[in-house]
Amino acid sequence: MVTLRHVEMADLEQLIGIENEGFSSEEAATKEAFIERIQLIADTFIVAESDGKIAGYINGPVISQPYITDDLFKKIVKNPPKGGYQSVLGVAVTRHARNQGIASMLIKKMEELNEQNGRQGITLTCKQELIAFYEKLGFVNEGLSESSHAGIDWYNMVKTKKSY
């Protein structure tokens, strides 16, 4: 059984392992970035736990605009209590837990948090091969992102509040 909960500092090493399993070294968040996210945005950093181990996570700060910018990968600030767009800087599931609906569960949980806090929508960037996955979850491909994070082409995917 998978349970969802807010992140804790004790999760750090497992999170880094999953991050490095799911992303290239250029894409992956650093240990310092994870510490900052745990300290500043634990309210929008959710982990999926199965059999006492972390199976996946989703995290990102609330931002004022509908698209992610590269500066968010370097520095974030505490979430405002209401409004804005929920960004997703990372959603990852460990290899042994993939294809079990965990990423979808995590995104659904973020939608619930958005509803509670009057957010305008959820925004993320993804690689071309993941566009169809996010479209199945109700996200709209709004074209190539200005992001050059890790030297990769990223696509803006947005799900507005009325699509939940």
N, C-alpha and C. Protein backbone atom coordinates (compact mmCIF):
# COMPACT_ATOMS: atom_id res chain seq x y z
N MET A 1 0.83 -1.19 0.00
CA MET A 1 0.00 0.00 0.00
C MET A 1 0.88 1.25 0.00
N VAL A 2 0.48 2.23 -0.79
CA VAL A 2 1.22 3.48 -0.90
C VAL A 2 0.52 4.55 -0.08
N THR A 3 1.29 5.24 0.75
CA THR A 3 0.76 6.36 1.51
C THR A 3 1.50 7.62 1.10
N LEU A 4 0.81 8.75 1.15
CA LEU A 4 1.40 10.04 0.80
C LEU A 4 1.51 10.87 2.06
N ARG A 5 2.63 11.60 2.15
CA ARG A 5 2.85 12.47 3.31
C ARG A 5 3.80 13.59 2.92
N HIS A 6 3.89 14.59 3.78
CA HIS A 6 4.85 15.68 3.56
C HIS A 6 6.26 15.18 3.86
N VAL A 7 7.21 15.77 3.20
CA VAL A 7 8.62 15.41 3.33
C VAL A 7 9.14 15.73 4.74
N GLU A 8 10.17 15.00 5.13
CA GLU A 8 10.90 15.25 6.39
C GLU A 8 12.39 15.23 6.06
N MET A 9 13.18 15.91 6.86
CA MET A 9 14.63 15.96 6.62
C MET A 9 15.23 14.55 6.63
N ALA A 10 14.65 13.64 7.41
CA ALA A 10 15.15 12.26 7.48
C ALA A 10 15.03 11.52 6.14
N ASP A 11 14.25 12.07 5.21
CA ASP A 11 14.05 11.45 3.89
C ASP A 11 15.18 11.78 2.91
N LEU A 12 16.03 12.69 3.26
CA LEU A 12 17.01 13.27 2.33
C LEU A 12 17.80 12.25 1.51
N GLU A 13 18.43 11.29 2.16
CA GLU A 13 19.30 10.35 1.41
C GLU A 13 18.49 9.51 0.42
N GLN A 14 17.31 9.04 0.82
CA GLN A 14 16.47 8.27 -0.11
C GLN A 14 16.04 9.14 -1.30
N LEU A 15 15.71 10.40 -1.04
CA LEU A 15 15.29 11.31 -2.10
C LEU A 15 16.40 11.53 -3.11
N ILE A 16 17.61 11.73 -2.62
CA ILE A 16 18.75 11.94 -3.51
C ILE A 16 18.98 10.70 -4.37
N GLY A 17 18.84 9.53 -3.79
CA GLY A 17 19.00 8.29 -4.55
C GLY A 17 17.99 8.19 -5.68
N ILE A 18 16.73 8.51 -5.40
CA ILE A 18 15.68 8.46 -6.42
C ILE A 18 15.93 9.53 -7.49
N GLU A 19 16.32 10.71 -7.08
CA GLU A 19 16.62 11.80 -8.01
C GLU A 19 17.72 11.38 -8.99
N ASN A 20 18.78 10.80 -8.47
CA ASN A 20 19.91 10.41 -9.32
C ASN A 20 19.60 9.18 -10.19
N GLU A 21 18.61 8.42 -9.79
CA GLU A 21 18.16 7.28 -10.58
C GLU A 21 17.29 7.75 -11.75
N GLY A 22 16.53 8.83 -11.54
CA GLY A 22 15.57 9.29 -12.53
C GLY A 22 16.05 10.39 -13.45
N PHE A 23 17.13 11.07 -13.07
CA PHE A 23 17.60 12.20 -13.86
C PHE A 23 19.10 12.10 -14.09
N SER A 24 19.55 12.67 -15.20
CA SER A 24 20.99 12.71 -15.48
C SER A 24 21.67 13.61 -14.46
N SER A 25 22.99 13.53 -14.37
CA SER A 25 23.71 14.36 -13.39
C SER A 25 23.53 15.85 -13.70
N GLU A 26 23.33 16.21 -14.97
CA GLU A 26 23.11 17.61 -15.32
C GLU A 26 21.72 18.08 -14.90
N GLU A 27 20.75 17.18 -14.96
CA GLU A 27 19.36 17.52 -14.63
C GLU A 27 19.08 17.46 -13.14
N ALA A 28 19.71 16.54 -12.45
CA ALA A 28 19.37 16.23 -11.05
C ALA A 28 19.61 17.40 -10.11
N ALA A 29 18.71 17.55 -9.16
CA ALA A 29 18.88 18.54 -8.10
C ALA A 29 20.00 18.08 -7.18
N THR A 30 20.71 19.04 -6.63
CA THR A 30 21.80 18.74 -5.71
C THR A 30 21.26 18.47 -4.30
N LYS A 31 22.12 17.93 -3.47
CA LYS A 31 21.76 17.70 -2.07
C LYS A 31 21.37 19.03 -1.42
N GLU A 32 22.12 20.08 -1.73
CA GLU A 32 21.83 21.40 -1.17
C GLU A 32 20.46 21.90 -1.60
N ALA A 33 20.10 21.65 -2.87
CA ALA A 33 18.79 22.07 -3.37
C ALA A 33 17.69 21.32 -2.63
N PHE A 34 17.90 20.01 -2.38
CA PHE A 34 16.90 19.25 -1.65
C PHE A 34 16.76 19.76 -0.22
N ILE A 35 17.85 20.05 0.43
CA ILE A 35 17.79 20.59 1.80
C ILE A 35 16.99 21.88 1.81
N GLU A 36 17.27 22.78 0.86
CA GLU A 36 16.55 24.04 0.77
C GLU A 36 15.06 23.80 0.55
N ARG A 37 14.72 22.87 -0.34
CA ARG A 37 13.30 22.58 -0.62
C ARG A 37 12.61 21.99 0.61
N ILE A 38 13.29 21.10 1.31
CA ILE A 38 12.70 20.51 2.52
C ILE A 38 12.46 21.60 3.57
N GLN A 39 13.42 22.52 3.71
CA GLN A 39 13.30 23.57 4.71
C GLN A 39 12.25 24.62 4.34
N LEU A 40 12.15 24.98 3.05
CA LEU A 40 11.31 26.10 2.65
C LEU A 40 9.94 25.72 2.10
N ILE A 41 9.84 24.57 1.43
CA ILE A 41 8.56 24.25 0.78
C ILE A 41 8.06 22.84 1.13
N ALA A 42 8.23 22.45 2.37
CA ALA A 42 7.75 21.13 2.79
C ALA A 42 6.25 20.99 2.58
N ASP A 43 5.53 22.12 2.56
CA ASP A 43 4.07 22.07 2.34
C ASP A 43 3.71 21.65 0.91
N THR A 44 4.65 21.77 -0.04
CA THR A 44 4.41 21.33 -1.42
C THR A 44 5.51 20.36 -1.86
N PHE A 45 5.95 19.55 -0.94
CA PHE A 45 6.93 18.50 -1.21
C PHE A 45 6.34 17.23 -0.60
N ILE A 46 5.81 16.38 -1.46
CA ILE A 46 5.08 15.18 -1.03
C ILE A 46 5.88 13.94 -1.40
N VAL A 47 5.94 13.00 -0.47
CA VAL A 47 6.60 11.72 -0.76
C VAL A 47 5.54 10.61 -0.73
N ALA A 48 5.79 9.61 -1.57
CA ALA A 48 4.96 8.40 -1.60
C ALA A 48 5.78 7.32 -0.92
N GLU A 49 5.19 6.69 0.07
CA GLU A 49 5.90 5.68 0.85
C GLU A 49 5.22 4.33 0.69
N SER A 50 6.05 3.30 0.54
CA SER A 50 5.54 1.93 0.42
C SER A 50 6.47 1.01 1.19
N ASP A 51 5.92 0.23 2.09
CA ASP A 51 6.71 -0.69 2.92
C ASP A 51 7.86 0.02 3.64
N GLY A 52 7.59 1.22 4.15
CA GLY A 52 8.59 1.95 4.93
C GLY A 52 9.69 2.61 4.11
N LYS A 53 9.60 2.53 2.79
CA LYS A 53 10.60 3.16 1.93
C LYS A 53 9.92 4.17 1.01
N ILE A 54 10.67 5.18 0.62
CA ILE A 54 10.13 6.17 -0.29
C ILE A 54 10.13 5.58 -1.70
N ALA A 55 8.95 5.61 -2.32
CA ALA A 55 8.80 5.07 -3.68
C ALA A 55 8.84 6.18 -4.71
N GLY A 56 8.56 7.41 -4.29
CA GLY A 56 8.58 8.54 -5.22
C GLY A 56 8.30 9.84 -4.49
N TYR A 57 8.37 10.93 -5.23
CA TYR A 57 8.13 12.24 -4.64
C TYR A 57 7.74 13.23 -5.72
N ILE A 58 7.17 14.34 -5.29
CA ILE A 58 6.87 15.49 -6.13
C ILE A 58 7.18 16.72 -5.31
N ASN A 59 7.77 17.74 -5.95
CA ASN A 59 8.07 18.96 -5.21
C ASN A 59 8.17 20.15 -6.14
N GLY A 60 7.96 21.31 -5.57
CA GLY A 60 8.13 22.56 -6.31
C GLY A 60 7.51 23.71 -5.54
N PRO A 61 8.04 24.90 -5.75
CA PRO A 61 7.49 26.08 -5.08
C PRO A 61 6.29 26.63 -5.82
N VAL A 62 5.51 27.44 -5.13
CA VAL A 62 4.43 28.18 -5.75
C VAL A 62 5.05 29.43 -6.36
N ILE A 63 4.70 29.70 -7.63
CA ILE A 63 5.28 30.84 -8.35
C ILE A 63 4.16 31.74 -8.87
N SER A 64 4.50 32.96 -9.25
CA SER A 64 3.46 33.92 -9.67
C SER A 64 3.08 33.77 -11.14
N GLN A 65 3.94 33.20 -11.97
CA GLN A 65 3.68 33.10 -13.40
C GLN A 65 3.39 31.65 -13.80
N PRO A 66 2.79 31.43 -15.00
CA PRO A 66 2.41 30.08 -15.39
C PRO A 66 3.53 29.19 -15.93
N TYR A 67 4.75 29.73 -16.05
CA TYR A 67 5.85 28.91 -16.59
C TYR A 67 7.05 28.91 -15.64
N ILE A 68 7.73 27.78 -15.61
CA ILE A 68 8.94 27.62 -14.80
C ILE A 68 10.11 28.34 -15.47
N THR A 69 10.92 29.00 -14.65
CA THR A 69 12.13 29.65 -15.14
C THR A 69 13.34 28.98 -14.49
N ASP A 70 14.48 29.04 -15.18
CA ASP A 70 15.67 28.34 -14.71
C ASP A 70 16.16 28.78 -13.33
N ASP A 71 15.88 30.02 -12.93
CA ASP A 71 16.33 30.49 -11.62
C ASP A 71 15.73 29.66 -10.48
N LEU A 72 14.57 29.02 -10.71
CA LEU A 72 13.95 28.21 -9.66
C LEU A 72 14.79 26.98 -9.31
N PHE A 73 15.63 26.54 -10.22
CA PHE A 73 16.48 25.38 -9.93
C PHE A 73 17.65 25.77 -9.03
N LYS A 74 17.87 27.08 -8.89
CA LYS A 74 18.99 27.56 -8.08
C LYS A 74 18.56 28.12 -6.73
N LYS A 75 17.41 28.84 -6.72
CA LYS A 75 16.99 29.51 -5.48
C LYS A 75 15.48 29.56 -5.44
N ILE A 76 14.91 29.13 -4.33
CA ILE A 76 13.47 29.21 -4.14
C ILE A 76 13.16 29.98 -2.86
N VAL A 77 11.92 30.38 -2.72
CA VAL A 77 11.48 31.07 -1.50
C VAL A 77 10.25 30.34 -0.96
N LYS A 78 9.92 30.63 0.26
CA LYS A 78 8.76 30.03 0.91
C LYS A 78 7.49 30.29 0.10
N ASN A 79 6.57 29.36 0.14
CA ASN A 79 5.31 29.48 -0.60
C ASN A 79 4.40 30.54 0.01
N PRO A 80 3.70 31.31 -0.85
CA PRO A 80 2.68 32.22 -0.30
C PRO A 80 1.49 31.38 0.19
N PRO A 81 0.72 31.89 1.14
CA PRO A 81 -0.40 31.10 1.68
C PRO A 81 -1.51 30.84 0.66
N LYS A 82 -1.71 31.74 -0.30
CA LYS A 82 -2.81 31.60 -1.27
C LYS A 82 -2.33 32.08 -2.64
N GLY A 83 -3.04 31.61 -3.68
CA GLY A 83 -2.80 32.08 -5.04
C GLY A 83 -1.56 31.52 -5.70
N GLY A 84 -1.28 31.99 -6.91
CA GLY A 84 -0.11 31.59 -7.67
C GLY A 84 -0.30 30.26 -8.40
N TYR A 85 0.77 29.81 -9.02
CA TYR A 85 0.81 28.54 -9.73
C TYR A 85 1.73 27.58 -9.00
N GLN A 86 1.28 26.36 -8.84
CA GLN A 86 2.12 25.33 -8.24
C GLN A 86 3.08 24.83 -9.31
N SER A 87 4.37 25.05 -9.10
CA SER A 87 5.33 24.51 -10.06
C SER A 87 5.75 23.12 -9.60
N VAL A 88 6.17 22.31 -10.54
CA VAL A 88 6.72 21.00 -10.23
C VAL A 88 8.14 20.99 -10.76
N LEU A 89 9.10 21.07 -9.84
CA LEU A 89 10.50 21.01 -10.24
C LEU A 89 10.96 19.56 -10.38
N GLY A 90 10.29 18.67 -9.67
CA GLY A 90 10.66 17.27 -9.76
C GLY A 90 9.52 16.35 -9.39
N VAL A 91 9.33 15.34 -10.20
CA VAL A 91 8.45 14.22 -9.86
C VAL A 91 9.22 12.99 -10.32
N ALA A 92 9.45 12.09 -9.39
CA ALA A 92 10.26 10.91 -9.72
C ALA A 92 9.77 9.72 -8.91
N VAL A 93 9.89 8.56 -9.52
CA VAL A 93 9.51 7.31 -8.87
C VAL A 93 10.68 6.34 -9.04
N THR A 94 11.02 5.66 -7.96
CA THR A 94 12.13 4.71 -8.01
C THR A 94 11.83 3.59 -9.02
N ARG A 95 12.86 3.06 -9.62
CA ARG A 95 12.70 2.06 -10.69
C ARG A 95 11.77 0.92 -10.32
N HIS A 96 11.95 0.36 -9.12
CA HIS A 96 11.15 -0.81 -8.73
C HIS A 96 9.68 -0.50 -8.48
N ALA A 97 9.32 0.79 -8.43
CA ALA A 97 7.93 1.15 -8.16
C ALA A 97 7.24 1.82 -9.36
N ARG A 98 7.90 1.83 -10.50
CA ARG A 98 7.31 2.49 -11.67
C ARG A 98 6.16 1.68 -12.24
N ASN A 99 5.33 2.36 -13.02
CA ASN A 99 4.16 1.76 -13.69
C ASN A 99 3.13 1.23 -12.70
N GLN A 100 3.06 1.85 -11.53
CA GLN A 100 2.06 1.48 -10.53
C GLN A 100 1.12 2.65 -10.20
N GLY A 101 1.21 3.71 -10.99
CA GLY A 101 0.34 4.86 -10.79
C GLY A 101 0.80 5.84 -9.71
N ILE A 102 2.02 5.69 -9.23
CA ILE A 102 2.50 6.55 -8.14
C ILE A 102 2.68 8.00 -8.58
N ALA A 103 3.25 8.22 -9.76
CA ALA A 103 3.41 9.60 -10.25
C ALA A 103 2.05 10.27 -10.39
N SER A 104 1.07 9.55 -10.89
CA SER A 104 -0.29 10.09 -11.04
C SER A 104 -0.89 10.42 -9.67
N MET A 105 -0.65 9.55 -8.68
CA MET A 105 -1.14 9.80 -7.32
C MET A 105 -0.53 11.09 -6.75
N LEU A 106 0.76 11.27 -6.99
CA LEU A 106 1.46 12.45 -6.48
C LEU A 106 0.92 13.73 -7.13
N ILE A 107 0.69 13.68 -8.42
CA ILE A 107 0.14 14.85 -9.12
C ILE A 107 -1.27 15.14 -8.62
N LYS A 108 -2.07 14.12 -8.41
CA LYS A 108 -3.43 14.27 -7.88
C LYS A 108 -3.39 14.94 -6.49
N LYS A 109 -2.45 14.52 -5.67
CA LYS A 109 -2.30 15.12 -4.34
C LYS A 109 -1.96 16.60 -4.46
N MET A 110 -1.10 16.96 -5.42
CA MET A 110 -0.74 18.36 -5.63
C MET A 110 -1.97 19.16 -6.06
N GLU A 111 -2.83 18.54 -6.87
CA GLU A 111 -4.08 19.19 -7.28
C GLU A 111 -4.96 19.47 -6.07
N GLU A 112 -5.05 18.51 -5.16
CA GLU A 112 -5.84 18.70 -3.94
C GLU A 112 -5.30 19.86 -3.11
N LEU A 113 -3.98 19.93 -2.97
CA LEU A 113 -3.35 21.04 -2.23
C LEU A 113 -3.66 22.37 -2.92
N ASN A 114 -3.62 22.37 -4.25
CA ASN A 114 -3.94 23.57 -5.01
C ASN A 114 -5.35 24.06 -4.72
N GLU A 115 -6.30 23.13 -4.71
CA GLU A 115 -7.69 23.46 -4.43
C GLU A 115 -7.82 24.12 -3.06
N GLN A 116 -7.16 23.54 -2.08
CA GLN A 116 -7.24 24.04 -0.71
C GLN A 116 -6.65 25.45 -0.57
N ASN A 117 -5.67 25.76 -1.42
CA ASN A 117 -4.94 27.02 -1.27
C ASN A 117 -5.22 28.04 -2.37
N GLY A 118 -6.28 27.81 -3.15
CA GLY A 118 -6.69 28.78 -4.15
C GLY A 118 -5.66 29.07 -5.23
N ARG A 119 -4.91 28.05 -5.60
CA ARG A 119 -3.90 28.23 -6.66
C ARG A 119 -4.58 28.24 -8.03
N GLN A 120 -3.92 28.87 -9.01
CA GLN A 120 -4.48 28.99 -10.36
C GLN A 120 -4.26 27.76 -11.21
N GLY A 121 -3.27 26.96 -10.88
CA GLY A 121 -2.99 25.77 -11.67
C GLY A 121 -1.65 25.16 -11.30
N ILE A 122 -1.26 24.16 -12.08
CA ILE A 122 0.01 23.47 -11.89
C ILE A 122 0.81 23.63 -13.17
N THR A 123 2.09 23.91 -13.02
CA THR A 123 2.96 24.07 -14.17
C THR A 123 4.22 23.23 -13.99
N LEU A 124 4.66 22.64 -15.09
CA LEU A 124 5.90 21.87 -15.07
C LEU A 124 6.53 21.91 -16.45
N THR A 125 7.76 21.50 -16.53
CA THR A 125 8.40 21.32 -17.83
C THR A 125 8.77 19.85 -17.93
N CYS A 126 8.71 19.33 -19.16
CA CYS A 126 9.09 17.94 -19.35
C CYS A 126 9.78 17.77 -20.70
N LYS A 127 10.42 16.64 -20.86
CA LYS A 127 11.04 16.28 -22.13
C LYS A 127 9.93 15.82 -23.08
N GLN A 128 10.24 15.85 -24.36
CA GLN A 128 9.24 15.51 -25.39
C GLN A 128 8.61 14.14 -25.15
N GLU A 129 9.41 13.15 -24.73
CA GLU A 129 8.87 11.80 -24.57
C GLU A 129 7.86 11.66 -23.43
N LEU A 130 7.76 12.68 -22.56
CA LEU A 130 6.80 12.61 -21.45
C LEU A 130 5.54 13.46 -21.68
N ILE A 131 5.48 14.16 -22.81
CA ILE A 131 4.32 15.00 -23.09
C ILE A 131 3.02 14.20 -23.04
N ALA A 132 2.98 13.05 -23.70
CA ALA A 132 1.75 12.24 -23.75
C ALA A 132 1.31 11.80 -22.35
N PHE A 133 2.27 11.45 -21.48
CA PHE A 133 1.94 11.06 -20.10
C PHE A 133 1.21 12.19 -19.40
N TYR A 134 1.76 13.39 -19.48
CA TYR A 134 1.14 14.52 -18.79
C TYR A 134 -0.17 14.94 -19.43
N GLU A 135 -0.28 14.81 -20.75
CA GLU A 135 -1.55 15.12 -21.41
C GLU A 135 -2.65 14.18 -20.93
N LYS A 136 -2.33 12.91 -20.67
CA LYS A 136 -3.32 11.96 -20.14
C LYS A 136 -3.83 12.40 -18.78
N LEU A 137 -3.00 13.15 -18.05
CA LEU A 137 -3.38 13.64 -16.72
C LEU A 137 -4.06 15.01 -16.78
N GLY A 138 -4.31 15.49 -18.00
CA GLY A 138 -5.03 16.74 -18.15
C GLY A 138 -4.19 17.98 -18.37
N PHE A 139 -2.88 17.82 -18.48
CA PHE A 139 -2.01 18.96 -18.75
C PHE A 139 -2.09 19.31 -20.23
N VAL A 140 -1.88 20.59 -20.55
CA VAL A 140 -1.87 21.07 -21.92
C VAL A 140 -0.44 21.45 -22.29
N ASN A 141 0.02 20.99 -23.44
CA ASN A 141 1.34 21.34 -23.94
C ASN A 141 1.26 22.76 -24.49
N GLU A 142 1.97 23.69 -23.85
CA GLU A 142 1.96 25.08 -24.28
C GLU A 142 3.24 25.44 -25.02
N GLY A 143 3.91 24.42 -25.57
CA GLY A 143 5.06 24.67 -26.43
C GLY A 143 6.40 24.62 -25.73
N LEU A 144 7.41 24.87 -26.52
CA LEU A 144 8.79 24.83 -26.05
C LEU A 144 9.02 25.86 -24.96
N SER A 145 9.67 25.42 -23.88
CA SER A 145 9.98 26.30 -22.76
C SER A 145 11.22 27.13 -23.07
N GLU A 146 11.33 28.27 -22.41
CA GLU A 146 12.55 29.07 -22.51
C GLU A 146 13.66 28.47 -21.66
N SER A 147 13.33 27.49 -20.84
CA SER A 147 14.31 26.86 -19.97
C SER A 147 15.40 26.16 -20.79
N SER A 148 16.62 26.34 -20.31
CA SER A 148 17.74 25.63 -20.94
C SER A 148 18.43 24.75 -19.89
N HIS A 149 17.69 24.43 -18.83
CA HIS A 149 18.21 23.61 -17.74
C HIS A 149 18.84 22.34 -18.29
N ALA A 150 20.07 22.09 -17.94
CA ALA A 150 20.84 20.90 -18.34
C ALA A 150 21.04 20.81 -19.85
N GLY A 151 20.82 21.93 -20.57
CA GLY A 151 21.04 21.95 -22.01
C GLY A 151 20.04 21.11 -22.80
N ILE A 152 18.83 20.95 -22.27
CA ILE A 152 17.81 20.07 -22.86
C ILE A 152 16.63 20.91 -23.34
N ASP A 153 15.92 20.42 -24.37
CA ASP A 153 14.66 21.03 -24.79
C ASP A 153 13.57 20.59 -23.83
N TRP A 154 12.90 21.55 -23.22
CA TRP A 154 11.82 21.29 -22.28
C TRP A 154 10.54 21.87 -22.84
N TYR A 155 9.42 21.27 -22.48
CA TYR A 155 8.11 21.74 -22.92
C TYR A 155 7.29 22.19 -21.73
N ASN A 156 6.61 23.35 -21.90
CA ASN A 156 5.74 23.88 -20.86
C ASN A 156 4.44 23.08 -20.83
N MET A 157 4.14 22.50 -19.69
CA MET A 157 2.90 21.74 -19.49
C MET A 157 2.14 22.41 -18.36
N VAL A 158 0.89 22.79 -18.62
CA VAL A 158 0.10 23.53 -17.63
C VAL A 158 -1.26 22.86 -17.48
N LYS A 159 -1.69 22.77 -16.25
CA LYS A 159 -3.03 22.28 -15.93
C LYS A 159 -3.69 23.35 -15.08
N THR A 160 -4.72 23.97 -15.63
CA THR A 160 -5.37 25.04 -14.88
C THR A 160 -6.40 24.47 -13.92
N LYS A 161 -6.76 25.29 -12.97
CA LYS A 161 -7.66 24.87 -11.89
C LYS A 161 -8.97 24.27 -12.44
N LYS A 162 -9.49 24.83 -13.51
CA LYS A 162 -10.76 24.32 -14.03
C LYS A 162 -10.63 22.92 -14.63
N SER A 163 -9.40 22.41 -14.80
CA SER A 163 -9.19 21.08 -15.38
C SER A 163 -9.09 19.99 -14.32
N TYR A 164 -9.08 20.33 -13.04
CA TYR A 164 -8.90 19.31 -11.99
C TYR A 164 -10.09 18.40 -11.96
